[in-house]
Amino acid sequence: MKVLLILNNAPYGSEKTYNALRLAMALQKEQPQTEIYIFLLADSVTAALPVQVTPQGYYNIERMLKAVIGKGGQVKTCGACSEARGIQNLSLLEGVEISTMSQLAQWTAGSDKVLVF
């Protein structure tokens, strides 16, 4: 099964990104044959920035994304959203690529389930 998670919110400030990644990690653990695709739109593109520092005991989106990628998940960011936020030329987490709406359309058409956070 192919599952696409589309994220829109900033990595911190609400728990939508956190909960989306919790679900992705749970699917990878409980259904290892599931292919996970994550597309970051709007403010969620900043989740792909490295060297995130969070308080002790607080979730860390960088570590969660690395865990998903480490188990074969694919993560892409919206190029226009990245450009609008001035991060298109910054280094991103290893395994994350800047992409296009065309790629999102292909992932959407090819997925069995699409979840939007």
Protein backbone atom coordinates (compact mmCIF):
# COMPACT_ATOMS: atom_id res chain seq x y z
CA MET A 1 0.00 0.00 0.00
CA LYS A 2 1.14 3.55 -0.76
CA VAL A 3 0.27 6.29 1.74
CA LEU A 4 0.78 9.98 0.99
CA LEU A 5 0.78 12.46 3.86
CA ILE A 6 0.46 16.11 2.85
CA LEU A 7 1.56 18.51 5.58
CA ASN A 8 0.74 22.22 5.66
CA ASN A 9 1.51 23.52 9.15
CA ALA A 10 4.75 24.77 10.65
CA PRO A 11 6.71 22.06 12.47
CA TYR A 12 6.11 23.66 15.86
CA GLY A 13 3.22 25.67 17.27
CA SER A 14 0.55 23.09 16.52
CA GLU A 15 0.80 19.33 16.69
CA LYS A 16 -0.37 18.57 13.14
CA THR A 17 3.12 17.91 11.76
CA TYR A 18 4.03 15.93 14.88
CA ASN A 19 0.90 13.77 14.60
CA ALA A 20 1.39 13.19 10.88
CA LEU A 21 4.92 11.94 11.53
CA ARG A 22 3.76 9.81 14.46
CA LEU A 23 1.31 8.13 12.08
CA ALA A 24 3.98 7.66 9.40
CA MET A 25 6.30 6.04 11.95
CA ALA A 26 3.53 3.79 13.28
CA LEU A 27 2.66 2.65 9.76
CA GLN A 28 6.31 1.86 9.05
CA LYS A 29 6.51 -0.16 12.25
CA GLU A 30 3.20 -2.02 12.07
CA GLN A 31 2.87 -2.31 8.29
CA PRO A 32 6.48 -2.44 7.05
CA GLN A 33 5.42 -3.12 3.47
CA THR A 34 3.64 0.25 3.32
CA GLU A 35 5.36 2.89 1.21
CA ILE A 36 5.32 6.30 2.92
CA TYR A 37 5.41 9.53 0.96
CA ILE A 38 5.45 12.92 2.70
CA PHE A 39 4.99 16.19 0.84
CA LEU A 40 5.66 19.41 2.74
CA LEU A 41 3.63 22.45 1.68
CA ALA A 42 3.30 26.01 3.01
CA ASP A 43 4.95 26.52 6.40
CA SER A 44 5.66 22.80 6.81
CA VAL A 45 8.62 23.17 4.42
CA THR A 46 10.61 24.51 7.38
CA ALA A 47 10.35 21.05 8.97
CA ALA A 48 13.06 19.96 6.52
CA LEU A 49 15.68 22.31 7.94
CA PRO A 50 18.52 20.65 9.87
CA VAL A 51 19.90 21.37 13.36
CA GLN A 52 16.58 21.82 15.13
CA VAL A 53 17.03 22.40 18.85
CA THR A 54 14.08 21.64 21.11
CA PRO A 55 13.76 21.64 24.90
CA GLN A 56 14.51 18.42 26.77
CA GLY A 57 11.47 16.15 26.64
CA TYR A 58 9.88 17.98 23.68
CA TYR A 59 9.36 16.26 20.36
CA ASN A 60 11.85 17.01 17.61
CA ILE A 61 10.54 17.04 14.04
CA GLU A 62 14.03 16.68 12.55
CA ARG A 63 14.60 13.38 14.37
CA MET A 64 11.15 12.16 13.37
CA LEU A 65 11.70 12.95 9.69
CA LYS A 66 15.10 11.25 9.79
CA ALA A 67 13.45 8.14 11.28
CA VAL A 68 10.85 8.04 8.49
CA ILE A 69 13.51 8.53 5.80
CA GLY A 70 15.73 5.92 7.46
CA LYS A 71 12.99 3.33 6.98
CA GLY A 72 12.54 4.13 3.30
CA GLY A 73 10.04 6.98 3.45
CA GLN A 74 10.30 9.65 0.80
CA VAL A 75 10.04 13.33 1.72
CA LYS A 76 9.77 16.25 -0.69
CA THR A 77 9.10 19.95 -0.22
CA CYS A 78 7.14 22.30 -2.44
CA GLY A 79 9.61 24.40 -4.42
CA ALA A 80 7.37 27.49 -4.61
CA CYS A 81 6.65 27.28 -0.86
CA SER A 82 10.36 26.92 -0.12
CA GLU A 83 11.18 29.90 -2.30
CA ALA A 84 8.46 32.03 -0.70
CA ARG A 85 9.99 31.33 2.72
CA GLY A 86 13.56 31.96 1.59
CA ILE A 87 14.82 28.43 2.22
CA GLN A 88 15.30 27.22 -1.36
CA ASN A 89 19.06 27.72 -1.16
CA LEU A 90 19.54 26.38 2.37
CA SER A 91 20.67 22.84 3.00
CA LEU A 92 17.87 20.48 3.93
CA LEU A 93 17.87 17.25 5.89
CA GLU A 94 19.62 14.44 4.07
CA GLY A 95 17.08 12.60 1.95
CA VAL A 96 14.70 15.57 1.52
CA GLU A 97 14.36 17.10 -1.93
CA ILE A 98 12.76 20.30 -3.18
CA SER A 99 10.07 19.31 -5.65
CA THR A 100 7.06 20.49 -7.64
CA MET A 101 3.28 20.38 -7.69
CA SER A 102 3.63 18.01 -10.64
CA GLN A 103 5.41 15.53 -8.33
CA LEU A 104 2.67 15.96 -5.72
CA ALA A 105 0.06 15.29 -8.41
CA GLN A 106 1.89 12.09 -9.44
CA TRP A 107 2.19 10.90 -5.84
CA THR A 108 -1.50 11.67 -5.24
CA ALA A 109 -2.62 9.75 -8.32
CA GLY A 110 -0.40 6.78 -7.43
CA SER A 111 -1.32 6.53 -3.75
CA ASP A 112 -3.86 4.23 -2.17
CA LYS A 113 -4.51 6.68 0.66
CA VAL A 114 -3.93 10.43 0.89
CA LEU A 115 -4.03 12.13 4.29
CA VAL A 116 -3.84 15.90 4.72
CA PHE A 117 -2.60 17.51 7.93
